[in-house]
Amino acid sequence: MQVYQLSIGAACGLSWPSDRIIIQILDDSTDPTIKELVQVECRKWESKGVNIKYEVRDNRNGYKAGALKEGIKHSYVTQCDYVAIFDADFQPESDFLCRTIPFLVNNPEIGLVQARWTF
């Protein structure tokens, strides 16, 4: 059940300039207890100075693509040049952005980088 803590912690631990990253947690869970736990975890990271936004999606329309569509509607996302999407149980290595963003920066014909997740 505490996988949300590991995933949020990993996202908040990404090596990237703190003034150039926004961690968005888009919660479409239906369990009010889980929602509260996730919100508390986000507040914990916010109190540590992480630019984290907790957003609630009241439906699961479109699944992950629907979540992305909903997530990019927020005005603060217009500041972002790139978007990295992680599923709820994914824990990226801290250097994930350092290893993937250069593919996008150095080749304007690439619009997406897909990375492998190993166990």
C-alpha atoms as a PDB file:
ATOM      1  CA  MET A   1       0.000   0.000   0.000  1.00  0.00           C
ATOM      2  CA  GLN A   2       2.893   2.416   0.647  1.00  0.00           C
ATOM      3  CA  VAL A   3       4.105   2.213  -2.952  1.00  0.00           C
ATOM      4  CA  TYR A   4       2.828   5.771  -3.378  1.00  0.00           C
ATOM      5  CA  GLN A   5       5.498   6.945  -0.896  1.00  0.00           C
ATOM      6  CA  LEU A   6       8.270   5.245  -2.852  1.00  0.00           C
ATOM      7  CA  SER A   7       7.026   6.568  -6.187  1.00  0.00           C
ATOM      8  CA  ILE A   8       6.476  10.137  -5.018  1.00  0.00           C
ATOM      9  CA  GLY A   9       9.830  10.075  -3.234  1.00  0.00           C
ATOM     10  CA  ALA A  10      11.588   8.869  -6.378  1.00  0.00           C
ATOM     11  CA  ALA A  11       9.946  11.569  -8.506  1.00  0.00           C
ATOM     12  CA  CYS A  12      10.847  14.227  -5.942  1.00  0.00           C
ATOM     13  CA  GLY A  13      14.423  12.900  -5.887  1.00  0.00           C
ATOM     14  CA  LEU A  14      15.046  13.401  -9.594  1.00  0.00           C
ATOM     15  CA  SER A  15      18.343  15.176 -10.273  1.00  0.00           C
ATOM     16  CA  TRP A  16      17.282  18.337 -12.051  1.00  0.00           C
ATOM     17  CA  PRO A  17      17.505  22.032 -11.178  1.00  0.00           C
ATOM     18  CA  SER A  18      14.803  22.666  -8.593  1.00  0.00           C
ATOM     19  CA  ASP A  19      13.697  25.876 -10.306  1.00  0.00           C
ATOM     20  CA  ARG A  20      13.122  23.951 -13.555  1.00  0.00           C
ATOM     21  CA  ILE A  21      10.985  21.036 -12.400  1.00  0.00           C
ATOM     22  CA  ILE A  22       7.388  20.608 -11.311  1.00  0.00           C
ATOM     23  CA  ILE A  23       6.276  17.285  -9.879  1.00  0.00           C
ATOM     24  CA  GLN A  24       2.588  16.789 -10.576  1.00  0.00           C
ATOM     25  CA  ILE A  25       0.720  14.050  -8.763  1.00  0.00           C
ATOM     26  CA  LEU A  26      -2.542  13.378 -10.559  1.00  0.00           C
ATOM     27  CA  ASP A  27      -4.726  11.284  -8.281  1.00  0.00           C
ATOM     28  CA  ASP A  28      -7.734   9.513  -9.753  1.00  0.00           C
ATOM     29  CA  SER A  29      -8.074   6.952  -6.977  1.00  0.00           C
ATOM     30  CA  THR A  30     -11.527   6.207  -5.643  1.00  0.00           C
ATOM     31  CA  ASP A  31     -10.505   5.406  -2.076  1.00  0.00           C
ATOM     32  CA  PRO A  32     -10.705   8.485   0.206  1.00  0.00           C
ATOM     33  CA  THR A  33      -8.120   6.981   2.568  1.00  0.00           C
ATOM     34  CA  ILE A  34      -5.599   6.633  -0.258  1.00  0.00           C
ATOM     35  CA  LYS A  35      -6.347  10.179  -1.446  1.00  0.00           C
ATOM     36  CA  GLU A  36      -5.611  11.524   2.036  1.00  0.00           C
ATOM     37  CA  LEU A  37      -2.379   9.536   2.343  1.00  0.00           C
ATOM     38  CA  VAL A  38      -1.158  10.748  -1.060  1.00  0.00           C
ATOM     39  CA  GLN A  39      -2.061  14.344  -0.241  1.00  0.00           C
ATOM     40  CA  VAL A  40      -0.179  14.157   3.075  1.00  0.00           C
ATOM     41  CA  GLU A  41       2.859  12.726   1.259  1.00  0.00           C
ATOM     42  CA  CYS A  42       2.761  15.588  -1.241  1.00  0.00           C
ATOM     43  CA  ARG A  43       2.567  18.158   1.559  1.00  0.00           C
ATOM     44  CA  LYS A  44       5.590  16.504   3.194  1.00  0.00           C
ATOM     45  CA  TRP A  45       7.662  17.007   0.038  1.00  0.00           C
ATOM     46  CA  GLU A  46       6.316  20.518  -0.458  1.00  0.00           C
ATOM     47  CA  SER A  47       7.483  21.392   3.066  1.00  0.00           C
ATOM     48  CA  LYS A  48      10.973  20.277   1.974  1.00  0.00           C
ATOM     49  CA  GLY A  49      10.931  22.835  -0.841  1.00  0.00           C
ATOM     50  CA  VAL A  50       9.922  20.537  -3.705  1.00  0.00           C
ATOM     51  CA  ASN A  51       7.717  22.161  -6.340  1.00  0.00           C
ATOM     52  CA  ILE A  52       4.971  19.527  -6.172  1.00  0.00           C
ATOM     53  CA  LYS A  53       1.351  19.880  -7.198  1.00  0.00           C
ATOM     54  CA  TYR A  54      -1.354  17.506  -6.015  1.00  0.00           C
ATOM     55  CA  GLU A  55      -4.278  17.367  -8.423  1.00  0.00           C
ATOM     56  CA  VAL A  56      -7.403  15.248  -8.144  1.00  0.00           C
ATOM     57  CA  ARG A  57      -9.033  13.824 -11.232  1.00  0.00           C
ATOM     58  CA  ASP A  58     -12.618  12.823 -10.537  1.00  0.00           C
ATOM     59  CA  ASN A  59     -12.797  10.182 -13.243  1.00  0.00           C
ATOM     60  CA  ARG A  60     -10.609   7.639 -14.976  1.00  0.00           C
ATOM     61  CA  ASN A  61     -11.688   8.432 -18.520  1.00  0.00           C
ATOM     62  CA  GLY A  62      -8.989   7.577 -21.010  1.00  0.00           C
ATOM     63  CA  TYR A  63      -6.825   5.895 -18.374  1.00  0.00           C
ATOM     64  CA  LYS A  64      -3.200   7.116 -18.668  1.00  0.00           C
ATOM     65  CA  ALA A  65      -3.825   9.173 -21.806  1.00  0.00           C
ATOM     66  CA  GLY A  66      -6.812  10.751 -20.079  1.00  0.00           C
ATOM     67  CA  ALA A  67      -4.673  11.520 -17.050  1.00  0.00           C
ATOM     68  CA  LEU A  68      -2.086  13.225 -19.263  1.00  0.00           C
ATOM     69  CA  LYS A  69      -4.804  15.229 -21.007  1.00  0.00           C
ATOM     70  CA  GLU A  70      -6.203  16.315 -17.649  1.00  0.00           C
ATOM     71  CA  GLY A  71      -2.783  17.045 -16.184  1.00  0.00           C
ATOM     72  CA  ILE A  72      -1.652  19.375 -18.957  1.00  0.00           C
ATOM     73  CA  LYS A  73      -4.769  21.538 -18.553  1.00  0.00           C
ATOM     74  CA  HIS A  74      -3.259  23.241 -15.504  1.00  0.00           C
ATOM     75  CA  SER A  75      -1.801  26.677 -16.201  1.00  0.00           C
ATOM     76  CA  TYR A  76       1.553  25.971 -14.548  1.00  0.00           C
ATOM     77  CA  VAL A  77       2.219  23.243 -17.124  1.00  0.00           C
ATOM     78  CA  THR A  78       2.594  25.909 -19.832  1.00  0.00           C
ATOM     79  CA  GLN A  79       5.954  26.743 -18.228  1.00  0.00           C
ATOM     80  CA  CYS A  80       7.219  23.238 -18.990  1.00  0.00           C
ATOM     81  CA  ASP A  81       9.271  22.351 -22.044  1.00  0.00           C
ATOM     82  CA  TYR A  82       9.099  18.613 -21.355  1.00  0.00           C
ATOM     83  CA  VAL A  83       6.760  16.198 -19.621  1.00  0.00           C
ATOM     84  CA  ALA A  84       7.818  12.893 -18.065  1.00  0.00           C
ATOM     85  CA  ILE A  85       5.029  10.487 -17.180  1.00  0.00           C
ATOM     86  CA  PHE A  86       5.415   7.825 -14.513  1.00  0.00           C
ATOM     87  CA  ASP A  87       2.805   5.308 -13.480  1.00  0.00           C
ATOM     88  CA  ALA A  88       1.806   5.139  -9.819  1.00  0.00           C
ATOM     89  CA  ASP A  89       4.144   2.263  -9.038  1.00  0.00           C
ATOM     90  CA  PHE A  90       7.148   3.513 -11.002  1.00  0.00           C
ATOM     91  CA  GLN A  91      10.273   4.675  -9.218  1.00  0.00           C
ATOM     92  CA  PRO A  92      12.642   6.424 -11.616  1.00  0.00           C
ATOM     93  CA  GLU A  93      16.348   6.507 -10.893  1.00  0.00           C
ATOM     94  CA  SER A  94      17.495   9.972  -9.849  1.00  0.00           C
ATOM     95  CA  ASP A  95      19.381  10.460 -13.140  1.00  0.00           C
ATOM     96  CA  PHE A  96      16.388   9.534 -15.345  1.00  0.00           C
ATOM     97  CA  LEU A  97      15.922  13.050 -16.732  1.00  0.00           C
ATOM     98  CA  CYS A  98      19.665  13.536 -17.229  1.00  0.00           C
ATOM     99  CA  ARG A  99      19.738  10.373 -19.337  1.00  0.00           C
ATOM    100  CA  THR A 100      16.582  11.015 -21.383  1.00  0.00           C
ATOM    101  CA  ILE A 101      16.134  14.760 -21.940  1.00  0.00           C
ATOM    102  CA  PRO A 102      19.340  15.080 -24.035  1.00  0.00           C
ATOM    103  CA  PHE A 103      17.720  12.897 -26.718  1.00  0.00           C
ATOM    104  CA  LEU A 104      14.969  15.502 -27.052  1.00  0.00           C
ATOM    105  CA  VAL A 105      17.200  18.567 -26.759  1.00  0.00           C
ATOM    106  CA  ASN A 106      19.746  17.360 -29.305  1.00  0.00           C
ATOM    107  CA  ASN A 107      17.305  16.126 -31.939  1.00  0.00           C
ATOM    108  CA  PRO A 108      14.299  18.357 -32.685  1.00  0.00           C
ATOM    109  CA  GLU A 109      12.770  15.612 -34.838  1.00  0.00           C
ATOM    110  CA  ILE A 110      12.231  13.406 -31.768  1.00  0.00           C
ATOM    111  CA  GLY A 111       9.037  14.073 -29.846  1.00  0.00           C
ATOM    112  CA  LEU A 112       9.061  11.145 -27.432  1.00  0.00           C
ATOM    113  CA  VAL A 113      11.587   9.104 -25.518  1.00  0.00           C
ATOM    114  CA  GLN A 114      10.411   5.793 -24.136  1.00  0.00           C
ATOM    115  CA  ALA A 115      12.578   4.187 -21.488  1.00  0.00           C
ATOM    116  CA  ARG A 116      12.751   0.660 -20.177  1.00  0.00           C
ATOM    117  CA  TRP A 117      11.981  -0.127 -16.579  1.00  0.00           C
ATOM    118  CA  THR A 118      13.894  -3.038 -15.123  1.00  0.00           C
ATOM    119  CA  PHE A 119      13.239  -4.848 -11.877  1.00  0.00           C
END
